[in-house]
Amino acid sequence: MVEKANSNMLFANFNQDFSCISVGTRKGYSVTNCDPFGRVYTMNDGARGIVEMLFCTSLIVLVGAADQPQSSPRKLQIVNTKRQSMICELLFPSAILAVKLNRKSLVIVLEMEIYIYDISNMRLLHVIETTPNPDAICALSPSADSSYLAYPSPVPSPSAPLAAPSAPTSAGTVPAPTPSSSAAQSGDVLLFSTRSPSLRLTPPARCSPPRPIRAPSSASGASRGQRSCISSGGGRARRGYTR
């Protein structure tokens, strides 16, 4: 028996502590609490291709769906569901493929660039130029104290180090590392500190090419993104969704 996929659903993901599930559909988005289980918030305001939460707070990051004419995948919106208000809106030069966030950082992944913002005031901290990453392979640590971003490296192994450790420029841009002549897709991963300009190459993975990666949970737990509003919401995480 062949099961039919739900053509209405476009996105689903847990929040950082796995206490809630956010869902994007062709009609809007919803939040479901895991324990006790039940839907706690629904908004039908157009197709949503990405719906990411900040732990159990009322801050939600939304991105439109690529196949919907009224919904742009280049536009990112941050909303406060408790106040029913728009906090911030960003427009990027190409489609947003993934969004990651913790209590300190907001990360937006495009195919050739990664943007890192200070989530408290939406100030742009870094722009990382990457090699093509159409699958948006990356992971952000949920811990604000050890906020590391992992993404694929074009450098095949530690024996072929980064040419000049790719320090950010005065504009905060981190150039893409230059692959060596033997740069095959080896599964190597770069770790970037979102709170300080440091970059390191991890030991090579045993699989090739790279596949989706996830940062472990912590128990303690325009051209450059034009912003129209720079305030930010959020709060401390609580057990169960906070509206």
C-alpha atoms as a PDB file:
ATOM      1  CA  MET A   1       0.000   0.000   0.000  1.00  0.00           C
ATOM      2  CA  VAL A   2       1.419   3.343  -1.061  1.00  0.00           C
ATOM      3  CA  GLU A   3       0.922   6.203   1.371  1.00  0.00           C
ATOM      4  CA  LYS A   4       0.227   9.637  -0.085  1.00  0.00           C
ATOM      5  CA  ALA A   5       2.344  12.516   1.189  1.00  0.00           C
ATOM      6  CA  ASN A   6       0.684  15.533   2.743  1.00  0.00           C
ATOM      7  CA  SER A   7       0.998  18.038  -0.105  1.00  0.00           C
ATOM      8  CA  ASN A   8      -0.156  20.842   2.164  1.00  0.00           C
ATOM      9  CA  MET A   9       2.806  20.571   4.568  1.00  0.00           C
ATOM     10  CA  LEU A  10       6.003  22.390   3.566  1.00  0.00           C
ATOM     11  CA  PHE A  11       8.104  22.340   6.739  1.00  0.00           C
ATOM     12  CA  ALA A  12       8.324  20.719  10.186  1.00  0.00           C
ATOM     13  CA  ASN A  13      10.986  20.927  12.861  1.00  0.00           C
ATOM     14  CA  PHE A  14      11.547  20.708  16.615  1.00  0.00           C
ATOM     15  CA  ASN A  15      12.686  23.729  18.587  1.00  0.00           C
ATOM     16  CA  GLN A  16      16.089  23.731  20.307  1.00  0.00           C
ATOM     17  CA  ASP A  17      15.059  21.697  23.377  1.00  0.00           C
ATOM     18  CA  PHE A  18      12.599  19.425  21.513  1.00  0.00           C
ATOM     19  CA  SER A  19       9.639  20.644  23.563  1.00  0.00           C
ATOM     20  CA  CYS A  20       7.680  22.044  20.591  1.00  0.00           C
ATOM     21  CA  ILE A  21       7.185  21.368  16.890  1.00  0.00           C
ATOM     22  CA  SER A  22       6.764  24.158  14.346  1.00  0.00           C
ATOM     23  CA  VAL A  23       4.968  23.382  11.075  1.00  0.00           C
ATOM     24  CA  GLY A  24       4.739  25.378   7.857  1.00  0.00           C
ATOM     25  CA  THR A  25       1.958  24.757   5.331  1.00  0.00           C
ATOM     26  CA  ARG A  26       0.584  26.297   2.155  1.00  0.00           C
ATOM     27  CA  LYS A  27      -1.916  28.194   4.302  1.00  0.00           C
ATOM     28  CA  GLY A  28       0.268  29.362   7.198  1.00  0.00           C
ATOM     29  CA  TYR A  29       2.009  27.887  10.233  1.00  0.00           C
ATOM     30  CA  SER A  30       1.336  26.312  13.612  1.00  0.00           C
ATOM     31  CA  VAL A  31       3.074  25.390  16.876  1.00  0.00           C
ATOM     32  CA  THR A  32       2.410  22.134  18.699  1.00  0.00           C
ATOM     33  CA  ASN A  33       3.497  21.465  22.290  1.00  0.00           C
ATOM     34  CA  CYS A  34       4.984  17.994  22.908  1.00  0.00           C
ATOM     35  CA  ASP A  35       4.198  17.513  26.614  1.00  0.00           C
ATOM     36  CA  PRO A  36       1.343  17.879  27.157  1.00  0.00           C
ATOM     37  CA  PHE A  37       0.715  17.202  23.495  1.00  0.00           C
ATOM     38  CA  GLY A  38      -1.506  19.648  21.655  1.00  0.00           C
ATOM     39  CA  ARG A  39      -1.564  22.467  19.144  1.00  0.00           C
ATOM     40  CA  VAL A  40      -1.134  25.802  20.899  1.00  0.00           C
ATOM     41  CA  TYR A  41      -0.919  28.320  18.068  1.00  0.00           C
ATOM     42  CA  THR A  42      -2.130  28.584  14.455  1.00  0.00           C
ATOM     43  CA  MET A  43      -1.867  31.399  11.935  1.00  0.00           C
ATOM     44  CA  ASN A  44      -3.185  31.206   8.374  1.00  0.00           C
ATOM     45  CA  ASP A  45      -1.429  34.119   6.696  1.00  0.00           C
ATOM     46  CA  GLY A  46       0.078  32.540   3.593  1.00  0.00           C
ATOM     47  CA  ALA A  47       2.495  29.767   2.661  1.00  0.00           C
ATOM     48  CA  ARG A  48       5.486  29.247   4.960  1.00  0.00           C
ATOM     49  CA  GLY A  49       8.498  27.266   3.760  1.00  0.00           C
ATOM     50  CA  ILE A  50      10.517  27.711   6.984  1.00  0.00           C
ATOM     51  CA  VAL A  51       9.171  28.122  10.528  1.00  0.00           C
ATOM     52  CA  GLU A  52      11.790  28.205  13.303  1.00  0.00           C
ATOM     53  CA  MET A  53      11.222  28.873  17.015  1.00  0.00           C
ATOM     54  CA  LEU A  54      13.499  30.294  19.711  1.00  0.00           C
ATOM     55  CA  PHE A  55      13.119  27.590  22.352  1.00  0.00           C
ATOM     56  CA  CYS A  56       9.603  27.957  23.869  1.00  0.00           C
ATOM     57  CA  THR A  57       9.351  31.724  23.522  1.00  0.00           C
ATOM     58  CA  SER A  58       6.857  33.625  21.392  1.00  0.00           C
ATOM     59  CA  LEU A  59       9.600  34.596  18.909  1.00  0.00           C
ATOM     60  CA  ILE A  60       9.224  32.779  15.571  1.00  0.00           C
ATOM     61  CA  VAL A  61      11.214  33.178  12.345  1.00  0.00           C
ATOM     62  CA  LEU A  62       9.258  32.779   9.106  1.00  0.00           C
ATOM     63  CA  VAL A  63      10.259  32.395   5.457  1.00  0.00           C
ATOM     64  CA  GLY A  64       7.908  32.202   2.484  1.00  0.00           C
ATOM     65  CA  ALA A  65       7.536  29.276   0.098  1.00  0.00           C
ATOM     66  CA  ALA A  66       9.249  29.258  -3.287  1.00  0.00           C
ATOM     67  CA  ASP A  67       6.292  27.879  -5.257  1.00  0.00           C
ATOM     68  CA  GLN A  68       3.751  30.395  -3.966  1.00  0.00           C
ATOM     69  CA  PRO A  69       3.420  33.677  -5.924  1.00  0.00           C
ATOM     70  CA  GLN A  70       2.365  35.692  -2.857  1.00  0.00           C
ATOM     71  CA  SER A  71       5.162  34.352  -0.667  1.00  0.00           C
ATOM     72  CA  SER A  72       8.839  35.153  -1.301  1.00  0.00           C
ATOM     73  CA  PRO A  73      11.586  32.706  -0.243  1.00  0.00           C
ATOM     74  CA  ARG A  74      13.964  35.702  -0.140  1.00  0.00           C
ATOM     75  CA  LYS A  75      12.049  37.424   2.669  1.00  0.00           C
ATOM     76  CA  LEU A  76      12.580  36.588   6.344  1.00  0.00           C
ATOM     77  CA  GLN A  77      10.179  37.783   9.023  1.00  0.00           C
ATOM     78  CA  ILE A  78      10.523  37.643  12.801  1.00  0.00           C
ATOM     79  CA  VAL A  79       7.209  37.773  14.638  1.00  0.00           C
ATOM     80  CA  ASN A  80       6.031  37.827  18.245  1.00  0.00           C
ATOM     81  CA  THR A  81       3.019  35.537  18.463  1.00  0.00           C
ATOM     82  CA  LYS A  82       2.051  36.779  21.919  1.00  0.00           C
ATOM     83  CA  ARG A  83       1.793  40.402  20.817  1.00  0.00           C
ATOM     84  CA  GLN A  84       0.664  39.523  17.287  1.00  0.00           C
ATOM     85  CA  SER A  85       3.340  41.878  15.974  1.00  0.00           C
ATOM     86  CA  MET A  86       6.083  41.991  13.359  1.00  0.00           C
ATOM     87  CA  ILE A  87       9.505  42.450  14.974  1.00  0.00           C
ATOM     88  CA  CYS A  88      11.788  42.493  11.964  1.00  0.00           C
ATOM     89  CA  GLU A  89      11.803  41.886   8.219  1.00  0.00           C
ATOM     90  CA  LEU A  90      14.889  41.096   6.112  1.00  0.00           C
ATOM     91  CA  LEU A  91      15.259  40.761   2.343  1.00  0.00           C
ATOM     92  CA  PHE A  92      18.119  38.722   0.886  1.00  0.00           C
ATOM     93  CA  PRO A  93      19.640  38.533  -2.618  1.00  0.00           C
ATOM     94  CA  SER A  94      18.660  34.888  -3.134  1.00  0.00           C
ATOM     95  CA  ALA A  95      16.379  32.252  -1.647  1.00  0.00           C
ATOM     96  CA  ILE A  96      16.757  31.475   2.056  1.00  0.00           C
ATOM     97  CA  LEU A  97      17.493  27.750   2.380  1.00  0.00           C
ATOM     98  CA  ALA A  98      17.745  27.374   6.168  1.00  0.00           C
ATOM     99  CA  VAL A  99      17.478  29.370   9.396  1.00  0.00           C
ATOM    100  CA  LYS A 100      19.212  28.547  12.681  1.00  0.00           C
ATOM    101  CA  LEU A 101      19.033  30.437  15.962  1.00  0.00           C
ATOM    102  CA  ASN A 102      19.950  30.377  19.625  1.00  0.00           C
ATOM    103  CA  ARG A 103      19.661  33.001  22.373  1.00  0.00           C
ATOM    104  CA  LYS A 104      22.554  35.031  20.955  1.00  0.00           C
ATOM    105  CA  SER A 105      22.672  34.448  17.215  1.00  0.00           C
ATOM    106  CA  LEU A 106      20.430  34.258  14.160  1.00  0.00           C
ATOM    107  CA  VAL A 107      21.927  32.426  11.167  1.00  0.00           C
ATOM    108  CA  ILE A 108      20.492  32.630   7.643  1.00  0.00           C
ATOM    109  CA  VAL A 109      21.833  30.185   5.054  1.00  0.00           C
ATOM    110  CA  LEU A 110      21.795  30.964   1.323  1.00  0.00           C
ATOM    111  CA  GLU A 111      23.338  28.776  -1.348  1.00  0.00           C
ATOM    112  CA  MET A 112      26.591  30.788  -1.472  1.00  0.00           C
ATOM    113  CA  GLU A 113      26.513  32.839   1.743  1.00  0.00           C
ATOM    114  CA  ILE A 114      25.762  32.583   5.444  1.00  0.00           C
ATOM    115  CA  TYR A 115      24.578  35.660   7.356  1.00  0.00           C
ATOM    116  CA  ILE A 116      25.040  35.893  11.136  1.00  0.00           C
ATOM    117  CA  TYR A 117      23.104  38.453  13.203  1.00  0.00           C
ATOM    118  CA  ASP A 118      23.088  39.430  16.861  1.00  0.00           C
ATOM    119  CA  ILE A 119      19.544  38.384  17.757  1.00  0.00           C
ATOM    120  CA  SER A 120      19.219  40.989  20.533  1.00  0.00           C
ATOM    121  CA  ASN A 121      19.365  43.942  18.138  1.00  0.00           C
ATOM    122  CA  MET A 122      19.532  42.357  14.653  1.00  0.00           C
ATOM    123  CA  ARG A 123      22.952  43.827  13.961  1.00  0.00           C
ATOM    124  CA  LEU A 124      24.764  42.046  11.139  1.00  0.00           C
ATOM    125  CA  LEU A 125      27.912  40.461  12.599  1.00  0.00           C
ATOM    126  CA  HIS A 126      29.359  38.316   9.831  1.00  0.00           C
ATOM    127  CA  VAL A 127      28.789  37.326   6.213  1.00  0.00           C
ATOM    128  CA  ILE A 128      30.486  34.019   5.362  1.00  0.00           C
ATOM    129  CA  GLU A 129      31.071  33.329   1.692  1.00  0.00           C
ATOM    130  CA  THR A 130      30.785  29.597   1.028  1.00  0.00           C
ATOM    131  CA  THR A 131      31.160  27.176  -1.815  1.00  0.00           C
ATOM    132  CA  PRO A 132      27.808  26.052  -3.319  1.00  0.00           C
ATOM    133  CA  ASN A 133      25.629  24.559  -0.568  1.00  0.00           C
ATOM    134  CA  PRO A 134      22.226  23.962  -2.196  1.00  0.00           C
ATOM    135  CA  ASP A 135      21.172  21.537   0.546  1.00  0.00           C
ATOM    136  CA  ALA A 136      21.879  24.161   3.241  1.00  0.00           C
ATOM    137  CA  ILE A 137      23.998  21.716   5.242  1.00  0.00           C
ATOM    138  CA  CYS A 138      24.818  23.423   8.522  1.00  0.00           C
ATOM    139  CA  ALA A 139      24.241  23.212  12.276  1.00  0.00           C
ATOM    140  CA  LEU A 140      24.224  25.811  15.053  1.00  0.00           C
ATOM    141  CA  SER A 141      24.873  24.936  18.687  1.00  0.00           C
ATOM    142  CA  PRO A 142      21.798  25.731  20.849  1.00  0.00           C
ATOM    143  CA  SER A 143      24.147  26.944  23.595  1.00  0.00           C
ATOM    144  CA  ALA A 144      24.627  30.719  23.616  1.00  0.00           C
ATOM    145  CA  ASP A 145      27.837  30.337  25.645  1.00  0.00           C
ATOM    146  CA  SER A 146      29.470  28.027  23.088  1.00  0.00           C
ATOM    147  CA  SER A 147      27.807  29.262  19.921  1.00  0.00           C
ATOM    148  CA  TYR A 148      29.459  27.416  17.045  1.00  0.00           C
ATOM    149  CA  LEU A 149      28.258  27.120  13.462  1.00  0.00           C
ATOM    150  CA  ALA A 150      29.284  24.037  11.458  1.00  0.00           C
ATOM    151  CA  TYR A 151      29.159  24.014   7.665  1.00  0.00           C
ATOM    152  CA  PRO A 152      30.873  22.080   4.817  1.00  0.00           C
ATOM    153  CA  SER A 153      34.461  22.909   3.945  1.00  0.00           C
ATOM    154  CA  PRO A 154      35.979  22.781   0.452  1.00  0.00           C
ATOM    155  CA  VAL A 155      39.320  21.842   2.021  1.00  0.00           C
ATOM    156  CA  PRO A 156      39.711  18.036   1.891  1.00  0.00           C
ATOM    157  CA  SER A 157      41.755  17.477   5.069  1.00  0.00           C
ATOM    158  CA  PRO A 158      43.862  19.173   7.759  1.00  0.00           C
ATOM    159  CA  SER A 159      46.894  18.439   5.597  1.00  0.00           C
ATOM    160  CA  ALA A 160      45.587  21.094   3.195  1.00  0.00           C
ATOM    161  CA  PRO A 161      44.954  23.992   5.584  1.00  0.00           C
ATOM    162  CA  LEU A 162      42.989  27.112   4.867  1.00  0.00           C
ATOM    163  CA  ALA A 163      44.915  29.661   2.902  1.00  0.00           C
ATOM    164  CA  ALA A 164      45.219  32.512   5.420  1.00  0.00           C
ATOM    165  CA  PRO A 165      42.826  31.574   8.242  1.00  0.00           C
ATOM    166  CA  SER A 166      39.972  33.532   6.645  1.00  0.00           C
ATOM    167  CA  ALA A 167      39.662  36.366   9.131  1.00  0.00           C
ATOM    168  CA  PRO A 168      36.645  38.623   8.662  1.00  0.00           C
ATOM    169  CA  THR A 169      37.160  41.769   6.631  1.00  0.00           C
ATOM    170  CA  SER A 170      36.337  45.209   7.965  1.00  0.00           C
ATOM    171  CA  ALA A 171      32.773  44.673   6.732  1.00  0.00           C
ATOM    172  CA  GLY A 172      32.511  41.406   8.657  1.00  0.00           C
ATOM    173  CA  THR A 173      32.726  39.240   5.534  1.00  0.00           C
ATOM    174  CA  VAL A 174      34.533  35.917   5.811  1.00  0.00           C
ATOM    175  CA  PRO A 175      35.802  34.825   2.357  1.00  0.00           C
ATOM    176  CA  ALA A 176      35.204  31.280   1.233  1.00  0.00           C
ATOM    177  CA  PRO A 177      38.323  29.134   1.831  1.00  0.00           C
ATOM    178  CA  THR A 178      40.210  28.351  -1.352  1.00  0.00           C
ATOM    179  CA  PRO A 179      40.177  24.603  -2.070  1.00  0.00           C
ATOM    180  CA  SER A 180      43.444  22.936  -3.017  1.00  0.00           C
ATOM    181  CA  SER A 181      43.927  21.083  -6.278  1.00  0.00           C
ATOM    182  CA  SER A 182      42.996  17.832  -4.506  1.00  0.00           C
ATOM    183  CA  ALA A 183      39.848  19.240  -2.916  1.00  0.00           C
ATOM    184  CA  ALA A 184      37.336  16.457  -3.257  1.00  0.00           C
ATOM    185  CA  GLN A 185      34.080  16.293  -1.370  1.00  0.00           C
ATOM    186  CA  SER A 186      35.533  14.628   1.697  1.00  0.00           C
ATOM    187  CA  GLY A 187      33.006  15.449   4.395  1.00  0.00           C
ATOM    188  CA  ASP A 188      35.224  17.984   6.193  1.00  0.00           C
ATOM    189  CA  VAL A 189      33.413  20.563   8.318  1.00  0.00           C
ATOM    190  CA  LEU A 190      34.366  24.100   9.307  1.00  0.00           C
ATOM    191  CA  LEU A 191      33.491  25.383  12.789  1.00  0.00           C
ATOM    192  CA  PHE A 192      32.883  29.119  13.102  1.00  0.00           C
ATOM    193  CA  SER A 193      32.334  30.931  16.385  1.00  0.00           C
ATOM    194  CA  THR A 194      29.345  33.233  15.951  1.00  0.00           C
ATOM    195  CA  ARG A 195      30.432  35.371  18.916  1.00  0.00           C
ATOM    196  CA  SER A 196      34.073  35.886  17.907  1.00  0.00           C
ATOM    197  CA  PRO A 197      35.842  35.767  14.515  1.00  0.00           C
ATOM    198  CA  SER A 198      37.489  32.352  14.770  1.00  0.00           C
ATOM    199  CA  LEU A 199      37.487  29.515  12.274  1.00  0.00           C
ATOM    200  CA  ARG A 200      38.761  25.968  12.568  1.00  0.00           C
ATOM    201  CA  LEU A 201      38.777  22.820  10.435  1.00  0.00           C
ATOM    202  CA  THR A 202      37.483  19.618  12.010  1.00  0.00           C
ATOM    203  CA  PRO A 203      38.995  16.167  11.413  1.00  0.00           C
ATOM    204  CA  PRO A 204      37.751  14.583   8.183  1.00  0.00           C
ATOM    205  CA  ALA A 205      34.480  12.691   8.288  1.00  0.00           C
ATOM    206  CA  ARG A 206      34.261   9.095   7.136  1.00  0.00           C
ATOM    207  CA  CYS A 207      31.538   9.715   4.602  1.00  0.00           C
ATOM    208  CA  SER A 208      31.583  11.484   1.248  1.00  0.00           C
ATOM    209  CA  PRO A 209      29.997  13.761   0.181  1.00  0.00           C
ATOM    210  CA  PRO A 210      28.776  15.728   3.249  1.00  0.00           C
ATOM    211  CA  ARG A 211      25.313  14.964   4.604  1.00  0.00           C
ATOM    212  CA  PRO A 212      23.016  16.871   6.960  1.00  0.00           C
ATOM    213  CA  ILE A 213      24.619  17.650  10.316  1.00  0.00           C
ATOM    214  CA  ARG A 214      23.133  18.621  13.676  1.00  0.00           C
ATOM    215  CA  ALA A 215      24.715  20.354  16.643  1.00  0.00           C
ATOM    216  CA  PRO A 216      24.272  18.497  19.963  1.00  0.00           C
ATOM    217  CA  SER A 217      21.768  19.929  22.414  1.00  0.00           C
ATOM    218  CA  SER A 218      23.040  21.593  25.576  1.00  0.00           C
ATOM    219  CA  ALA A 219      21.496  20.659  28.873  1.00  0.00           C
ATOM    220  CA  SER A 220      22.271  24.197  30.144  1.00  0.00           C
ATOM    221  CA  GLY A 221      20.468  25.355  27.897  1.00  0.00           C
ATOM    222  CA  ALA A 222      19.273  44.850  -1.174  1.00  0.00           C
ATOM    223  CA  SER A 223      22.386  42.767  -1.144  1.00  0.00           C
ATOM    224  CA  ARG A 224      23.457  42.212   2.441  1.00  0.00           C
ATOM    225  CA  GLY A 225      20.070  41.659   4.049  1.00  0.00           C
ATOM    226  CA  GLN A 226      18.102  44.877   4.149  1.00  0.00           C
ATOM    227  CA  ARG A 227      16.353  45.337   7.468  1.00  0.00           C
ATOM    228  CA  SER A 228      13.260  47.448   8.020  1.00  0.00           C
ATOM    229  CA  CYS A 229      13.104  47.022  11.812  1.00  0.00           C
ATOM    230  CA  ILE A 230      15.806  46.205  14.333  1.00  0.00           C
ATOM    231  CA  SER A 231      14.069  45.420  17.607  1.00  0.00           C
ATOM    232  CA  SER A 232      13.894  41.841  18.832  1.00  0.00           C
ATOM    233  CA  GLY A 233      11.699  39.794  21.141  1.00  0.00           C
ATOM    234  CA  GLY A 234      12.147  36.525  22.965  1.00  0.00           C
ATOM    235  CA  GLY A 235      12.650  35.671  26.611  1.00  0.00           C
ATOM    236  CA  ARG A 236      13.736  32.802  28.777  1.00  0.00           C
ATOM    237  CA  ALA A 237      12.608  29.310  27.863  1.00  0.00           C
ATOM    238  CA  ARG A 238       9.861  27.694  29.897  1.00  0.00           C
ATOM    239  CA  ARG A 239       8.347  24.250  29.926  1.00  0.00           C
ATOM    240  CA  GLY A 240       5.642  24.426  27.305  1.00  0.00           C
ATOM    241  CA  TYR A 241       5.061  27.021  24.623  1.00  0.00           C
ATOM    242  CA  THR A 242       4.889  30.632  25.842  1.00  0.00           C
ATOM    243  CA  ARG A 243       2.490  32.858  23.937  1.00  0.00           C
END
